């Protein structure tokens, strides 16, 4: 897996589809990680089932205030007991995660979104 990081100032999600999203006019294919200053591709396993909970510790080490996990078109519940920190983890559809991410970065909150 080859990780690529794009540094952007407040990377608003302009639109999203079943397999990608648009930020600053550029298309990024899922899975991606979004932070208030970065878009990272190639950092997550291709399937959500391969990511959670095995790779959640990597996101927790980034020390955001909140982690949003976009599970695709369907909301999936997964065991959140893997989190022993004070960092919140919320799982939701990818569309909901994109909308909440935009609101939180507008409020200058330290949010991280892992989107599938």
C-alpha atoms as a PDB file:
ATOM      1  CA  UNK A   1       0.000   0.000   0.000  1.00  0.00           C
ATOM      2  CA  UNK A   2       1.430   3.340  -1.045  1.00  0.00           C
ATOM      3  CA  UNK A   3       0.338   6.230   1.146  1.00  0.00           C
ATOM      4  CA  UNK A   4      -0.079   9.696  -0.355  1.00  0.00           C
ATOM      5  CA  UNK A   5      -0.809  12.813   1.717  1.00  0.00           C
ATOM      6  CA  UNK A   6      -2.285  16.000   0.304  1.00  0.00           C
ATOM      7  CA  UNK A   7      -2.003  19.081   2.531  1.00  0.00           C
ATOM      8  CA  UNK A   8      -4.986  21.412   2.251  1.00  0.00           C
ATOM      9  CA  UNK A   9      -6.415  24.252   4.316  1.00  0.00           C
ATOM     10  CA  UNK A  10      -9.787  23.019   5.636  1.00  0.00           C
ATOM     11  CA  UNK A  11     -10.514  20.256   3.115  1.00  0.00           C
ATOM     12  CA  UNK A  12     -14.300  20.630   2.723  1.00  0.00           C
ATOM     13  CA  UNK A  13     -16.063  17.690   1.144  1.00  0.00           C
ATOM     14  CA  UNK A  14     -17.792  19.292  -1.846  1.00  0.00           C
ATOM     15  CA  UNK A  15     -19.574  16.099  -2.911  1.00  0.00           C
ATOM     16  CA  UNK A  16     -19.382  12.344  -2.539  1.00  0.00           C
ATOM     17  CA  UNK A  17     -20.563   9.224  -4.347  1.00  0.00           C
ATOM     18  CA  UNK A  18     -20.491   5.496  -3.610  1.00  0.00           C
ATOM     19  CA  UNK A  19     -16.763   5.229  -4.349  1.00  0.00           C
ATOM     20  CA  UNK A  20     -15.212   8.709  -4.108  1.00  0.00           C
ATOM     21  CA  UNK A  21     -15.435  12.268  -2.856  1.00  0.00           C
ATOM     22  CA  UNK A  22     -14.512  15.683  -4.230  1.00  0.00           C
ATOM     23  CA  UNK A  23     -12.368  18.125  -2.231  1.00  0.00           C
ATOM     24  CA  UNK A  24     -11.050  21.359  -3.771  1.00  0.00           C
ATOM     25  CA  UNK A  25     -12.202  20.082  -7.168  1.00  0.00           C
ATOM     26  CA  UNK A  26     -10.049  16.929  -6.876  1.00  0.00           C
ATOM     27  CA  UNK A  27     -11.501  13.427  -6.755  1.00  0.00           C
ATOM     28  CA  UNK A  28     -10.277  11.005  -4.087  1.00  0.00           C
ATOM     29  CA  UNK A  29     -11.310   7.347  -4.138  1.00  0.00           C
ATOM     30  CA  UNK A  30     -12.279   5.523  -0.952  1.00  0.00           C
ATOM     31  CA  UNK A  31     -10.876   4.574   1.433  1.00  0.00           C
ATOM     32  CA  UNK A  32      -9.428   7.899   2.567  1.00  0.00           C
ATOM     33  CA  UNK A  33      -8.507   9.606   5.824  1.00  0.00           C
ATOM     34  CA  UNK A  34      -9.452  13.266   6.280  1.00  0.00           C
ATOM     35  CA  UNK A  35      -8.081  15.643   8.906  1.00  0.00           C
ATOM     36  CA  UNK A  36      -8.529  19.423   9.157  1.00  0.00           C
ATOM     37  CA  UNK A  37      -5.361  19.888   7.067  1.00  0.00           C
ATOM     38  CA  UNK A  38      -4.807  16.640   5.142  1.00  0.00           C
ATOM     39  CA  UNK A  39      -6.296  14.059   2.826  1.00  0.00           C
ATOM     40  CA  UNK A  40      -4.506  10.695   3.006  1.00  0.00           C
ATOM     41  CA  UNK A  41      -4.928   7.936   0.459  1.00  0.00           C
ATOM     42  CA  UNK A  42      -3.411   4.463   0.553  1.00  0.00           C
ATOM     43  CA  UNK A  43      -3.228   4.441   4.362  1.00  0.00           C
ATOM     44  CA  UNK A  44      -6.229   2.181   4.993  1.00  0.00           C
ATOM     45  CA  UNK A  45      -6.981  -1.413   3.980  1.00  0.00           C
ATOM     46  CA  UNK A  46      -9.312  -1.641   0.978  1.00  0.00           C
ATOM     47  CA  UNK A  47     -12.202  -3.157   2.968  1.00  0.00           C
ATOM     48  CA  UNK A  48     -13.760  -1.849   6.163  1.00  0.00           C
ATOM     49  CA  UNK A  49     -13.809  -5.367   7.609  1.00  0.00           C
ATOM     50  CA  UNK A  50     -10.012  -5.472   7.288  1.00  0.00           C
ATOM     51  CA  UNK A  51      -9.641  -2.078   8.968  1.00  0.00           C
ATOM     52  CA  UNK A  52     -11.837  -2.199  12.054  1.00  0.00           C
ATOM     53  CA  UNK A  53     -10.810  -2.838  14.785  1.00  0.00           C
ATOM     54  CA  UNK A  54      -7.283  -3.867  13.740  1.00  0.00           C
ATOM     55  CA  UNK A  55      -6.117  -0.446  12.560  1.00  0.00           C
ATOM     56  CA  UNK A  56      -8.047   1.824  14.918  1.00  0.00           C
ATOM     57  CA  UNK A  57      -4.960   2.240  17.131  1.00  0.00           C
ATOM     58  CA  UNK A  58      -3.194   4.015  14.246  1.00  0.00           C
ATOM     59  CA  UNK A  59      -5.967   6.613  14.082  1.00  0.00           C
ATOM     60  CA  UNK A  60      -6.032   7.005  17.867  1.00  0.00           C
ATOM     61  CA  UNK A  61      -2.283   7.792  17.792  1.00  0.00           C
ATOM     62  CA  UNK A  62      -3.079  10.830  15.626  1.00  0.00           C
ATOM     63  CA  UNK A  63      -4.848  12.123  18.773  1.00  0.00           C
ATOM     64  CA  UNK A  64      -7.912  13.813  17.255  1.00  0.00           C
ATOM     65  CA  UNK A  65     -10.810  15.036  19.362  1.00  0.00           C
ATOM     66  CA  UNK A  66     -13.187  12.727  17.475  1.00  0.00           C
ATOM     67  CA  UNK A  67     -12.889   9.929  14.900  1.00  0.00           C
ATOM     68  CA  UNK A  68     -15.683   9.513  12.354  1.00  0.00           C
ATOM     69  CA  UNK A  69     -15.784   6.176  10.560  1.00  0.00           C
ATOM     70  CA  UNK A  70     -17.791   6.237   7.348  1.00  0.00           C
ATOM     71  CA  UNK A  71     -19.041   2.716   6.667  1.00  0.00           C
ATOM     72  CA  UNK A  72     -20.275   3.232   3.098  1.00  0.00           C
ATOM     73  CA  UNK A  73     -23.943   3.422   2.097  1.00  0.00           C
ATOM     74  CA  UNK A  74     -25.052   1.211   4.988  1.00  0.00           C
ATOM     75  CA  UNK A  75     -24.613   2.007   8.649  1.00  0.00           C
ATOM     76  CA  UNK A  76     -22.696  -0.767  10.375  1.00  0.00           C
ATOM     77  CA  UNK A  77     -22.244  -1.199  14.078  1.00  0.00           C
ATOM     78  CA  UNK A  78     -18.947  -2.549  15.290  1.00  0.00           C
ATOM     79  CA  UNK A  79     -17.404  -3.116  18.675  1.00  0.00           C
ATOM     80  CA  UNK A  80     -16.251   0.218  20.072  1.00  0.00           C
ATOM     81  CA  UNK A  81     -14.636  -1.361  23.140  1.00  0.00           C
ATOM     82  CA  UNK A  82     -11.311  -1.249  21.280  1.00  0.00           C
ATOM     83  CA  UNK A  83     -11.031   2.381  22.373  1.00  0.00           C
ATOM     84  CA  UNK A  84      -9.490   2.840  25.810  1.00  0.00           C
ATOM     85  CA  UNK A  85      -8.815   6.551  25.340  1.00  0.00           C
ATOM     86  CA  UNK A  86     -10.926   9.665  25.799  1.00  0.00           C
ATOM     87  CA  UNK A  87     -11.180  10.067  22.023  1.00  0.00           C
ATOM     88  CA  UNK A  88     -14.707   9.591  20.708  1.00  0.00           C
ATOM     89  CA  UNK A  89     -15.340   7.149  17.853  1.00  0.00           C
ATOM     90  CA  UNK A  90     -18.582   7.442  15.883  1.00  0.00           C
ATOM     91  CA  UNK A  91     -19.582   5.031  13.126  1.00  0.00           C
ATOM     92  CA  UNK A  92     -22.090   6.155  10.504  1.00  0.00           C
ATOM     93  CA  UNK A  93     -22.770   6.111   6.790  1.00  0.00           C
ATOM     94  CA  UNK A  94     -20.085   7.786   4.715  1.00  0.00           C
ATOM     95  CA  UNK A  95     -22.500  10.538   3.646  1.00  0.00           C
ATOM     96  CA  UNK A  96     -23.259  11.416   7.268  1.00  0.00           C
ATOM     97  CA  UNK A  97     -19.545  11.335   8.124  1.00  0.00           C
ATOM     98  CA  UNK A  98     -18.785  13.774   5.269  1.00  0.00           C
ATOM     99  CA  UNK A  99     -21.471  16.212   6.436  1.00  0.00           C
ATOM    100  CA  UNK A 100     -20.373  16.071  10.090  1.00  0.00           C
ATOM    101  CA  UNK A 101     -16.709  16.408   9.081  1.00  0.00           C
ATOM    102  CA  UNK A 102     -17.523  19.630   7.189  1.00  0.00           C
ATOM    103  CA  UNK A 103     -19.385  21.102  10.173  1.00  0.00           C
ATOM    104  CA  UNK A 104     -16.594  20.209  12.584  1.00  0.00           C
ATOM    105  CA  UNK A 105     -13.769  21.687  10.515  1.00  0.00           C
ATOM    106  CA  UNK A 106     -15.830  24.852  10.063  1.00  0.00           C
ATOM    107  CA  UNK A 107     -15.888  25.017  13.874  1.00  0.00           C
ATOM    108  CA  UNK A 108     -12.081  24.494  13.889  1.00  0.00           C
ATOM    109  CA  UNK A 109     -12.461  21.177  15.705  1.00  0.00           C
ATOM    110  CA  UNK A 110      -9.775  18.484  15.527  1.00  0.00           C
ATOM    111  CA  UNK A 111     -11.682  15.721  13.762  1.00  0.00           C
ATOM    112  CA  UNK A 112     -10.448  12.747  11.776  1.00  0.00           C
ATOM    113  CA  UNK A 113     -12.595  10.823   9.293  1.00  0.00           C
ATOM    114  CA  UNK A 114     -11.808   7.357   7.942  1.00  0.00           C
ATOM    115  CA  UNK A 115     -14.127   6.918   4.978  1.00  0.00           C
ATOM    116  CA  UNK A 116     -15.093   3.799   3.063  1.00  0.00           C
END
